[in-house]
Amino acid sequence: MHLFFTDLDGTLLTDDKIITPKTLEAIDAYIGAGNKFIITSGRPFNNIREVAKRTGLDKYEDLLLICYNGSMIYDCGLEKPLLDLRLDPEDALHIIDTAEEMDIHCQTYSSTKVVCRHHDRESDYYAHQTQMNFIYDEDILSHLDEAPHKALAISMDDRAKLERLQEKLAPWMEGKLTTVFSCPEYLEFVDHRSGKGNAVRYVCDLYGIPVSEAYAAGDANNDFSMLSAAGNSIAMINGSDEVKAISSIITTKDNNHDGLAEILFSLAAK
């Protein structure tokens, strides 16, 4: 049995946020051959579950969802999290306050919505990318019905601003939080035990599968830890140069043209 971990945006999904019929056919063949398929994304749980439903992947009862860059691993068959790492709400608020002092948009998450103080270009961009709903309010904590899994700082034009925020908060975060750039515009704050790579190792241990039998596919720099953890790392041809440099396989087609299909069909035949 193989394990196949895949990022969503820029990897499994096209730029129009769908899965093409050929790739769906390849996933069906791969899972039908007795293998495990694991969606691995920085997106929130409810959003990934909606994507799975919209694309038809929810028909696979034992589908695993790795959410919030490894802060949650959800078993769709058992209908419960296998791993659930969260931020203290006060810590999320401190990150937001510090970011706003530096004129950086920052948001966190309730169980169903994005929560931030201001409606701006960054929130519009994120809403367009994820189709998530927002709550805008000065009182962030009043809208957190549970401890959040992450905070996210966004800067559309200036990654250096995010790097300065990362540097400023680093001493305070030590031993409890970590950061990852999920793309040049997004700086994510999560529990220090999180990460796509740690999630890969957790799932491999769960199923008793050596990492040498695990495949991971991604396109962006927040996929580094996942690609490094898996024995077989797949970079999308549309991915960053840094991702391609650390990967053992580079797809011949991009995410809009069934980039993963050939590999999935090949694994299904083994």
C-alpha atoms as a PDB file:
ATOM      1  CA  MET A   1       0.000   0.000   0.000  1.00  0.00           C
ATOM      2  CA  HIS A   2       1.217   3.483  -0.888  1.00  0.00           C
ATOM      3  CA  LEU A   3       0.347   6.790   0.761  1.00  0.00           C
ATOM      4  CA  PHE A   4      -0.130   9.791  -1.505  1.00  0.00           C
ATOM      5  CA  PHE A   5      -0.114  13.244   0.106  1.00  0.00           C
ATOM      6  CA  THR A   6      -1.143  16.136  -2.124  1.00  0.00           C
ATOM      7  CA  ASP A   7      -1.418  19.858  -1.750  1.00  0.00           C
ATOM      8  CA  LEU A   8      -4.551  21.505  -3.167  1.00  0.00           C
ATOM      9  CA  ASP A   9      -3.870  24.886  -4.733  1.00  0.00           C
ATOM     10  CA  GLY A  10      -1.493  24.734  -7.669  1.00  0.00           C
ATOM     11  CA  THR A  11      -1.220  20.955  -7.352  1.00  0.00           C
ATOM     12  CA  LEU A  12      -4.416  18.892  -7.248  1.00  0.00           C
ATOM     13  CA  LEU A  13      -6.716  21.798  -8.144  1.00  0.00           C
ATOM     14  CA  THR A  14      -6.616  23.734 -11.378  1.00  0.00           C
ATOM     15  CA  ASP A  15      -6.445  27.496 -11.299  1.00  0.00           C
ATOM     16  CA  ASP A  16     -10.253  27.409 -11.543  1.00  0.00           C
ATOM     17  CA  LYS A  17     -10.316  25.368  -8.289  1.00  0.00           C
ATOM     18  CA  ILE A  18     -11.594  22.127  -9.843  1.00  0.00           C
ATOM     19  CA  ILE A  19     -10.191  18.630 -10.361  1.00  0.00           C
ATOM     20  CA  THR A  20     -10.196  17.580 -13.993  1.00  0.00           C
ATOM     21  CA  PRO A  21     -12.049  14.400 -15.057  1.00  0.00           C
ATOM     22  CA  LYS A  22      -8.808  12.614 -15.995  1.00  0.00           C
ATOM     23  CA  THR A  23      -7.235  13.343 -12.606  1.00  0.00           C
ATOM     24  CA  LEU A  24     -10.417  12.178 -10.856  1.00  0.00           C
ATOM     25  CA  GLU A  25     -10.203   8.959 -12.878  1.00  0.00           C
ATOM     26  CA  ALA A  26      -6.579   8.533 -11.802  1.00  0.00           C
ATOM     27  CA  ILE A  27      -7.481   9.080  -8.127  1.00  0.00           C
ATOM     28  CA  ASP A  28     -10.233   6.489  -8.432  1.00  0.00           C
ATOM     29  CA  ALA A  29      -7.820   3.958  -9.930  1.00  0.00           C
ATOM     30  CA  TYR A  30      -5.203   4.704  -7.259  1.00  0.00           C
ATOM     31  CA  ILE A  31      -7.611   4.335  -4.328  1.00  0.00           C
ATOM     32  CA  GLY A  32      -9.298   1.332  -5.969  1.00  0.00           C
ATOM     33  CA  ALA A  33      -5.939  -0.440  -5.959  1.00  0.00           C
ATOM     34  CA  GLY A  34      -5.897  -0.271  -2.147  1.00  0.00           C
ATOM     35  CA  ASN A  35      -3.827   2.859  -1.615  1.00  0.00           C
ATOM     36  CA  LYS A  36      -4.435   5.854   0.676  1.00  0.00           C
ATOM     37  CA  PHE A  37      -5.037   9.364  -0.637  1.00  0.00           C
ATOM     38  CA  ILE A  38      -4.435  12.292   1.722  1.00  0.00           C
ATOM     39  CA  ILE A  39      -5.286  15.928   1.024  1.00  0.00           C
ATOM     40  CA  THR A  40      -2.670  18.172   2.648  1.00  0.00           C
ATOM     41  CA  SER A  41      -3.231  21.918   2.719  1.00  0.00           C
ATOM     42  CA  GLY A  42      -2.868  25.117   4.667  1.00  0.00           C
ATOM     43  CA  ARG A  43      -6.596  25.703   4.224  1.00  0.00           C
ATOM     44  CA  PRO A  44      -9.027  25.401   7.162  1.00  0.00           C
ATOM     45  CA  PHE A  45     -10.848  22.121   7.797  1.00  0.00           C
ATOM     46  CA  ASN A  46     -14.349  23.206   6.768  1.00  0.00           C
ATOM     47  CA  ASN A  47     -13.001  24.711   3.565  1.00  0.00           C
ATOM     48  CA  ILE A  48     -11.097  21.529   2.623  1.00  0.00           C
ATOM     49  CA  ARG A  49     -14.156  19.416   3.411  1.00  0.00           C
ATOM     50  CA  GLU A  50     -16.229  21.671   1.135  1.00  0.00           C
ATOM     51  CA  VAL A  51     -13.646  21.250  -1.641  1.00  0.00           C
ATOM     52  CA  ALA A  52     -13.783  17.472  -1.200  1.00  0.00           C
ATOM     53  CA  LYS A  53     -17.572  17.553  -1.440  1.00  0.00           C
ATOM     54  CA  ARG A  54     -17.620  19.888  -4.432  1.00  0.00           C
ATOM     55  CA  THR A  55     -15.072  17.819  -6.374  1.00  0.00           C
ATOM     56  CA  GLY A  56     -16.559  14.425  -5.509  1.00  0.00           C
ATOM     57  CA  LEU A  57     -13.701  13.233  -3.314  1.00  0.00           C
ATOM     58  CA  ASP A  58     -16.053  12.880  -0.343  1.00  0.00           C
ATOM     59  CA  LYS A  59     -17.270   9.587  -1.809  1.00  0.00           C
ATOM     60  CA  TYR A  60     -14.105   7.985  -0.423  1.00  0.00           C
ATOM     61  CA  GLU A  61     -15.086   7.207   3.153  1.00  0.00           C
ATOM     62  CA  ASP A  62     -11.555   6.782   4.496  1.00  0.00           C
ATOM     63  CA  LEU A  63     -10.191  10.007   3.010  1.00  0.00           C
ATOM     64  CA  LEU A  64      -7.769  11.844   5.298  1.00  0.00           C
ATOM     65  CA  LEU A  65      -7.606  15.640   5.426  1.00  0.00           C
ATOM     66  CA  ILE A  66      -4.489  17.381   6.724  1.00  0.00           C
ATOM     67  CA  CYS A  67      -5.560  20.956   7.437  1.00  0.00           C
ATOM     68  CA  TYR A  68      -4.007  24.220   8.627  1.00  0.00           C
ATOM     69  CA  ASN A  69      -0.535  23.118   7.447  1.00  0.00           C
ATOM     70  CA  GLY A  70      -0.557  20.055   9.680  1.00  0.00           C
ATOM     71  CA  SER A  71      -2.346  21.416  12.746  1.00  0.00           C
ATOM     72  CA  MET A  72      -5.267  19.029  12.202  1.00  0.00           C
ATOM     73  CA  ILE A  73      -5.499  15.554  10.703  1.00  0.00           C
ATOM     74  CA  TYR A  74      -9.120  14.568  10.131  1.00  0.00           C
ATOM     75  CA  ASP A  75     -10.338  11.039   9.367  1.00  0.00           C
ATOM     76  CA  CYS A  76     -13.480  11.297   7.215  1.00  0.00           C
ATOM     77  CA  GLY A  77     -14.367   7.653   7.921  1.00  0.00           C
ATOM     78  CA  LEU A  78     -14.239   8.024  11.688  1.00  0.00           C
ATOM     79  CA  GLU A  79     -15.611  11.586  11.424  1.00  0.00           C
ATOM     80  CA  LYS A  80     -13.148  12.912  13.972  1.00  0.00           C
ATOM     81  CA  PRO A  81      -9.687  14.470  14.209  1.00  0.00           C
ATOM     82  CA  LEU A  82      -6.707  12.190  14.748  1.00  0.00           C
ATOM     83  CA  LEU A  83      -4.532  15.190  15.623  1.00  0.00           C
ATOM     84  CA  ASP A  84      -5.753  18.624  16.712  1.00  0.00           C
ATOM     85  CA  LEU A  85      -3.179  21.312  17.603  1.00  0.00           C
ATOM     86  CA  ARG A  86      -4.446  24.802  18.411  1.00  0.00           C
ATOM     87  CA  LEU A  87      -3.302  28.269  19.362  1.00  0.00           C
ATOM     88  CA  ASP A  88      -4.211  29.950  22.616  1.00  0.00           C
ATOM     89  CA  PRO A  89      -6.744  32.630  21.560  1.00  0.00           C
ATOM     90  CA  GLU A  90      -4.740  35.247  23.451  1.00  0.00           C
ATOM     91  CA  ASP A  91      -1.665  34.279  21.423  1.00  0.00           C
ATOM     92  CA  ALA A  92      -3.624  34.669  18.184  1.00  0.00           C
ATOM     93  CA  LEU A  93      -4.748  38.097  19.379  1.00  0.00           C
ATOM     94  CA  HIS A  94      -1.154  39.097  20.202  1.00  0.00           C
ATOM     95  CA  ILE A  95      -0.065  38.134  16.674  1.00  0.00           C
ATOM     96  CA  ILE A  96      -2.898  40.173  15.159  1.00  0.00           C
ATOM     97  CA  ASP A  97      -2.144  43.172  17.380  1.00  0.00           C
ATOM     98  CA  THR A  98       1.564  43.073  16.532  1.00  0.00           C
ATOM     99  CA  ALA A  99       0.866  42.726  12.817  1.00  0.00           C
ATOM    100  CA  GLU A 100      -1.543  45.646  12.826  1.00  0.00           C
ATOM    101  CA  GLU A 101       1.017  47.818  14.624  1.00  0.00           C
ATOM    102  CA  MET A 102       3.244  47.125  11.594  1.00  0.00           C
ATOM    103  CA  ASP A 103       0.409  47.904   9.147  1.00  0.00           C
ATOM    104  CA  ILE A 104       0.006  44.255   8.124  1.00  0.00           C
ATOM    105  CA  HIS A 105      -3.344  42.520   7.618  1.00  0.00           C
ATOM    106  CA  CYS A 106      -3.739  39.563   9.992  1.00  0.00           C
ATOM    107  CA  GLN A 107      -6.622  37.161  10.599  1.00  0.00           C
ATOM    108  CA  THR A 108      -7.576  34.061  12.533  1.00  0.00           C
ATOM    109  CA  TYR A 109     -10.436  31.570  12.330  1.00  0.00           C
ATOM    110  CA  SER A 110     -13.574  30.530  14.130  1.00  0.00           C
ATOM    111  CA  SER A 111     -14.989  27.069  13.450  1.00  0.00           C
ATOM    112  CA  THR A 112     -16.680  28.337  10.276  1.00  0.00           C
ATOM    113  CA  LYS A 113     -15.392  31.802   9.337  1.00  0.00           C
ATOM    114  CA  VAL A 114     -12.343  33.987   8.979  1.00  0.00           C
ATOM    115  CA  VAL A 115     -12.147  36.613  11.728  1.00  0.00           C
ATOM    116  CA  CYS A 116     -10.290  39.901  11.379  1.00  0.00           C
ATOM    117  CA  ARG A 117     -10.740  43.556  12.224  1.00  0.00           C
ATOM    118  CA  HIS A 118     -10.726  45.247   8.855  1.00  0.00           C
ATOM    119  CA  HIS A 119     -12.133  44.723   5.370  1.00  0.00           C
ATOM    120  CA  ASP A 120      -9.260  45.430   2.992  1.00  0.00           C
ATOM    121  CA  ARG A 121      -7.575  44.302  -0.213  1.00  0.00           C
ATOM    122  CA  GLU A 122      -5.946  41.361   1.533  1.00  0.00           C
ATOM    123  CA  SER A 123      -9.206  40.026   2.947  1.00  0.00           C
ATOM    124  CA  ASP A 124     -10.852  40.384  -0.465  1.00  0.00           C
ATOM    125  CA  TYR A 125      -8.010  38.465  -2.082  1.00  0.00           C
ATOM    126  CA  TYR A 126      -8.180  35.674   0.501  1.00  0.00           C
ATOM    127  CA  ALA A 127     -11.972  35.432   0.182  1.00  0.00           C
ATOM    128  CA  HIS A 128     -11.639  35.133  -3.588  1.00  0.00           C
ATOM    129  CA  GLN A 129      -8.976  32.428  -3.293  1.00  0.00           C
ATOM    130  CA  THR A 130     -10.788  30.291  -0.705  1.00  0.00           C
ATOM    131  CA  GLN A 131     -14.479  31.230  -1.046  1.00  0.00           C
ATOM    132  CA  MET A 132     -14.616  31.634   2.745  1.00  0.00           C
ATOM    133  CA  ASN A 133     -16.851  34.053   4.654  1.00  0.00           C
ATOM    134  CA  PHE A 134     -15.447  36.774   6.915  1.00  0.00           C
ATOM    135  CA  ILE A 135     -16.393  38.388  10.202  1.00  0.00           C
ATOM    136  CA  TYR A 136     -15.055  41.957  10.605  1.00  0.00           C
ATOM    137  CA  ASP A 137     -14.985  43.205  14.184  1.00  0.00           C
ATOM    138  CA  GLU A 138     -12.608  44.937  16.571  1.00  0.00           C
ATOM    139  CA  ASP A 139     -13.415  42.339  19.235  1.00  0.00           C
ATOM    140  CA  ILE A 140     -11.686  39.298  17.735  1.00  0.00           C
ATOM    141  CA  LEU A 141     -12.032  37.025  20.756  1.00  0.00           C
ATOM    142  CA  SER A 142     -15.819  37.367  20.947  1.00  0.00           C
ATOM    143  CA  HIS A 143     -16.113  35.504  17.636  1.00  0.00           C
ATOM    144  CA  LEU A 144     -13.832  32.588  18.450  1.00  0.00           C
ATOM    145  CA  ASP A 145     -16.203  29.792  19.415  1.00  0.00           C
ATOM    146  CA  GLU A 146     -13.162  27.531  19.860  1.00  0.00           C
ATOM    147  CA  ALA A 147      -9.398  27.922  20.030  1.00  0.00           C
ATOM    148  CA  PRO A 148      -8.086  28.667  16.520  1.00  0.00           C
ATOM    149  CA  HIS A 149      -5.670  26.460  14.621  1.00  0.00           C
ATOM    150  CA  LYS A 150      -3.682  29.316  13.128  1.00  0.00           C
ATOM    151  CA  ALA A 151      -3.268  33.004  12.486  1.00  0.00           C
ATOM    152  CA  LEU A 152      -2.420  34.312   9.036  1.00  0.00           C
ATOM    153  CA  ALA A 153      -0.658  37.542   8.104  1.00  0.00           C
ATOM    154  CA  ILE A 154      -1.069  38.718   4.494  1.00  0.00           C
ATOM    155  CA  SER A 155       0.874  41.299   2.517  1.00  0.00           C
ATOM    156  CA  MET A 156       0.059  41.541  -1.162  1.00  0.00           C
ATOM    157  CA  ASP A 157       3.045  43.635  -2.221  1.00  0.00           C
ATOM    158  CA  ASP A 158       5.806  43.372   0.352  1.00  0.00           C
ATOM    159  CA  ARG A 159       7.083  40.025   1.627  1.00  0.00           C
ATOM    160  CA  ALA A 160       9.778  41.913   3.547  1.00  0.00           C
ATOM    161  CA  LYS A 161       7.065  43.270   5.858  1.00  0.00           C
ATOM    162  CA  LEU A 162       6.057  39.704   6.706  1.00  0.00           C
ATOM    163  CA  GLU A 163       9.688  38.776   7.311  1.00  0.00           C
ATOM    164  CA  ARG A 164      10.035  41.687   9.727  1.00  0.00           C
ATOM    165  CA  LEU A 165       6.906  40.512  11.564  1.00  0.00           C
ATOM    166  CA  GLN A 166       8.335  36.979  11.700  1.00  0.00           C
ATOM    167  CA  GLU A 167      11.610  38.306  13.100  1.00  0.00           C
ATOM    168  CA  LYS A 168       9.912  40.532  15.665  1.00  0.00           C
ATOM    169  CA  LEU A 169       7.772  37.702  17.051  1.00  0.00           C
ATOM    170  CA  ALA A 170      10.441  34.990  16.941  1.00  0.00           C
ATOM    171  CA  PRO A 171      11.691  35.352  20.568  1.00  0.00           C
ATOM    172  CA  TRP A 172       8.124  35.369  21.903  1.00  0.00           C
ATOM    173  CA  MET A 173       7.146  32.314  19.800  1.00  0.00           C
ATOM    174  CA  GLU A 174      10.088  30.134  20.811  1.00  0.00           C
ATOM    175  CA  GLY A 175       8.964  26.739  22.117  1.00  0.00           C
ATOM    176  CA  LYS A 176       5.265  27.227  21.400  1.00  0.00           C
ATOM    177  CA  LEU A 177       4.646  28.548  17.868  1.00  0.00           C
ATOM    178  CA  THR A 178       6.276  28.355  14.471  1.00  0.00           C
ATOM    179  CA  THR A 179       5.788  30.098  11.136  1.00  0.00           C
ATOM    180  CA  VAL A 180       5.653  29.035   7.507  1.00  0.00           C
ATOM    181  CA  PHE A 181       5.267  30.967   4.265  1.00  0.00           C
ATOM    182  CA  SER A 182       2.483  29.160   2.403  1.00  0.00           C
ATOM    183  CA  CYS A 183       3.106  31.539  -0.515  1.00  0.00           C
ATOM    184  CA  PRO A 184       5.013  34.834  -0.805  1.00  0.00           C
ATOM    185  CA  GLU A 185       1.916  36.735   0.388  1.00  0.00           C
ATOM    186  CA  TYR A 186       0.945  34.481   3.331  1.00  0.00           C
ATOM    187  CA  LEU A 187       2.800  34.036   6.631  1.00  0.00           C
ATOM    188  CA  GLU A 188       1.130  31.408   8.813  1.00  0.00           C
ATOM    189  CA  PHE A 189       1.465  31.034  12.586  1.00  0.00           C
ATOM    190  CA  VAL A 190       0.787  27.547  13.975  1.00  0.00           C
ATOM    191  CA  ASP A 191       1.617  25.336  16.953  1.00  0.00           C
ATOM    192  CA  HIS A 192       5.315  24.417  16.953  1.00  0.00           C
ATOM    193  CA  ARG A 193       4.436  20.720  16.602  1.00  0.00           C
ATOM    194  CA  SER A 194       2.512  21.385  13.393  1.00  0.00           C
ATOM    195  CA  GLY A 195       3.802  21.224   9.844  1.00  0.00           C
ATOM    196  CA  LYS A 196       3.049  19.174   6.783  1.00  0.00           C
ATOM    197  CA  GLY A 197       6.198  17.101   7.311  1.00  0.00           C
ATOM    198  CA  ASN A 198       5.241  16.117  10.843  1.00  0.00           C
ATOM    199  CA  ALA A 199       1.776  15.217   9.555  1.00  0.00           C
ATOM    200  CA  VAL A 200       3.298  12.955   6.889  1.00  0.00           C
ATOM    201  CA  ARG A 201       5.335  11.128   9.531  1.00  0.00           C
ATOM    202  CA  TYR A 202       2.291  10.832  11.812  1.00  0.00           C
ATOM    203  CA  VAL A 203       0.161   9.246   9.081  1.00  0.00           C
ATOM    204  CA  CYS A 204       2.965   6.894   8.014  1.00  0.00           C
ATOM    205  CA  ASP A 205       3.305   5.697  11.619  1.00  0.00           C
ATOM    206  CA  LEU A 206      -0.476   5.387  11.909  1.00  0.00           C
ATOM    207  CA  TYR A 207      -0.669   2.963   8.989  1.00  0.00           C
ATOM    208  CA  GLY A 208       2.681   1.294   9.628  1.00  0.00           C
ATOM    209  CA  ILE A 209       3.945   2.397   6.215  1.00  0.00           C
ATOM    210  CA  PRO A 210       7.626   3.347   5.854  1.00  0.00           C
ATOM    211  CA  VAL A 211       8.186   6.858   4.535  1.00  0.00           C
ATOM    212  CA  SER A 212       9.954   5.237   1.590  1.00  0.00           C
ATOM    213  CA  GLU A 213       6.489   4.149   0.394  1.00  0.00           C
ATOM    214  CA  ALA A 214       4.999   7.625   0.798  1.00  0.00           C
ATOM    215  CA  TYR A 215       4.555  10.065  -2.073  1.00  0.00           C
ATOM    216  CA  ALA A 216       4.024  13.792  -1.610  1.00  0.00           C
ATOM    217  CA  ALA A 217       3.145  16.356  -4.269  1.00  0.00           C
ATOM    218  CA  GLY A 218       3.320  20.125  -3.992  1.00  0.00           C
ATOM    219  CA  ASP A 219       4.182  23.361  -5.704  1.00  0.00           C
ATOM    220  CA  ALA A 220       4.960  25.977  -3.041  1.00  0.00           C
ATOM    221  CA  ASN A 221       7.519  26.553  -0.337  1.00  0.00           C
ATOM    222  CA  ASN A 222       5.148  25.576   2.483  1.00  0.00           C
ATOM    223  CA  ASP A 223       5.333  22.086   0.967  1.00  0.00           C
ATOM    224  CA  PHE A 224       9.057  21.787   1.787  1.00  0.00           C
ATOM    225  CA  SER A 225       8.632  19.810   4.998  1.00  0.00           C
ATOM    226  CA  MET A 226       6.114  17.436   3.394  1.00  0.00           C
ATOM    227  CA  LEU A 227       8.313  16.827   0.377  1.00  0.00           C
ATOM    228  CA  SER A 228      11.353  16.294   2.597  1.00  0.00           C
ATOM    229  CA  ALA A 229       9.515  13.850   4.865  1.00  0.00           C
ATOM    230  CA  ALA A 230       8.155  11.619   2.101  1.00  0.00           C
ATOM    231  CA  GLY A 231      10.419   9.112   0.404  1.00  0.00           C
ATOM    232  CA  ASN A 232       9.145  10.191  -3.005  1.00  0.00           C
ATOM    233  CA  SER A 233       8.802  13.941  -3.532  1.00  0.00           C
ATOM    234  CA  ILE A 234       6.875  15.296  -6.506  1.00  0.00           C
ATOM    235  CA  ALA A 235       7.164  18.903  -7.663  1.00  0.00           C
ATOM    236  CA  MET A 236       4.609  20.323 -10.046  1.00  0.00           C
ATOM    237  CA  ILE A 237       6.189  21.720 -13.182  1.00  0.00           C
ATOM    238  CA  ASN A 238       4.358  24.942 -12.341  1.00  0.00           C
ATOM    239  CA  GLY A 239       5.912  24.943  -8.866  1.00  0.00           C
ATOM    240  CA  SER A 240       8.636  27.171  -7.486  1.00  0.00           C
ATOM    241  CA  ASP A 241      12.270  26.598  -8.420  1.00  0.00           C
ATOM    242  CA  GLU A 242      13.022  25.876  -4.759  1.00  0.00           C
ATOM    243  CA  VAL A 243      10.422  23.090  -4.662  1.00  0.00           C
ATOM    244  CA  LYS A 244      11.767  21.566  -7.873  1.00  0.00           C
ATOM    245  CA  ALA A 245      15.311  21.631  -6.490  1.00  0.00           C
ATOM    246  CA  ILE A 246      14.459  19.395  -3.521  1.00  0.00           C
ATOM    247  CA  SER A 247      12.118  16.984  -5.331  1.00  0.00           C
ATOM    248  CA  SER A 248      12.913  13.584  -6.815  1.00  0.00           C
ATOM    249  CA  ILE A 249      10.176  13.819  -9.456  1.00  0.00           C
ATOM    250  CA  ILE A 250       8.953  16.785 -11.526  1.00  0.00           C
ATOM    251  CA  THR A 251       5.654  16.407 -13.355  1.00  0.00           C
ATOM    252  CA  THR A 252       5.650  16.834 -17.126  1.00  0.00           C
ATOM    253  CA  LYS A 253       2.348  18.754 -17.031  1.00  0.00           C
ATOM    254  CA  ASP A 254       1.040  21.503 -14.789  1.00  0.00           C
ATOM    255  CA  ASN A 255      -1.932  21.585 -12.423  1.00  0.00           C
ATOM    256  CA  ASN A 256      -4.252  22.726 -15.224  1.00  0.00           C
ATOM    257  CA  HIS A 257      -3.372  19.756 -17.440  1.00  0.00           C
ATOM    258  CA  ASP A 258      -3.579  16.632 -15.229  1.00  0.00           C
ATOM    259  CA  GLY A 259      -0.085  16.958 -13.797  1.00  0.00           C
ATOM    260  CA  LEU A 260      -0.651  14.247 -11.165  1.00  0.00           C
ATOM    261  CA  ALA A 261      -2.659  11.815 -13.276  1.00  0.00           C
ATOM    262  CA  GLU A 262       0.235   9.932 -14.865  1.00  0.00           C
ATOM    263  CA  ILE A 263       1.881   9.283 -11.493  1.00  0.00           C
ATOM    264  CA  LEU A 264      -1.380   8.148  -9.872  1.00  0.00           C
ATOM    265  CA  PHE A 265      -2.159   5.783 -12.755  1.00  0.00           C
ATOM    266  CA  SER A 266       1.367   4.363 -12.477  1.00  0.00           C
ATOM    267  CA  LEU A 267       1.010   3.730  -8.738  1.00  0.00           C
ATOM    268  CA  ALA A 268      -2.400   2.156  -9.252  1.00  0.00           C
ATOM    269  CA  ALA A 269      -0.821  -0.354 -11.614  1.00  0.00           C
ATOM    270  CA  LYS A 270       1.886  -1.471  -9.184  1.00  0.00           C
END
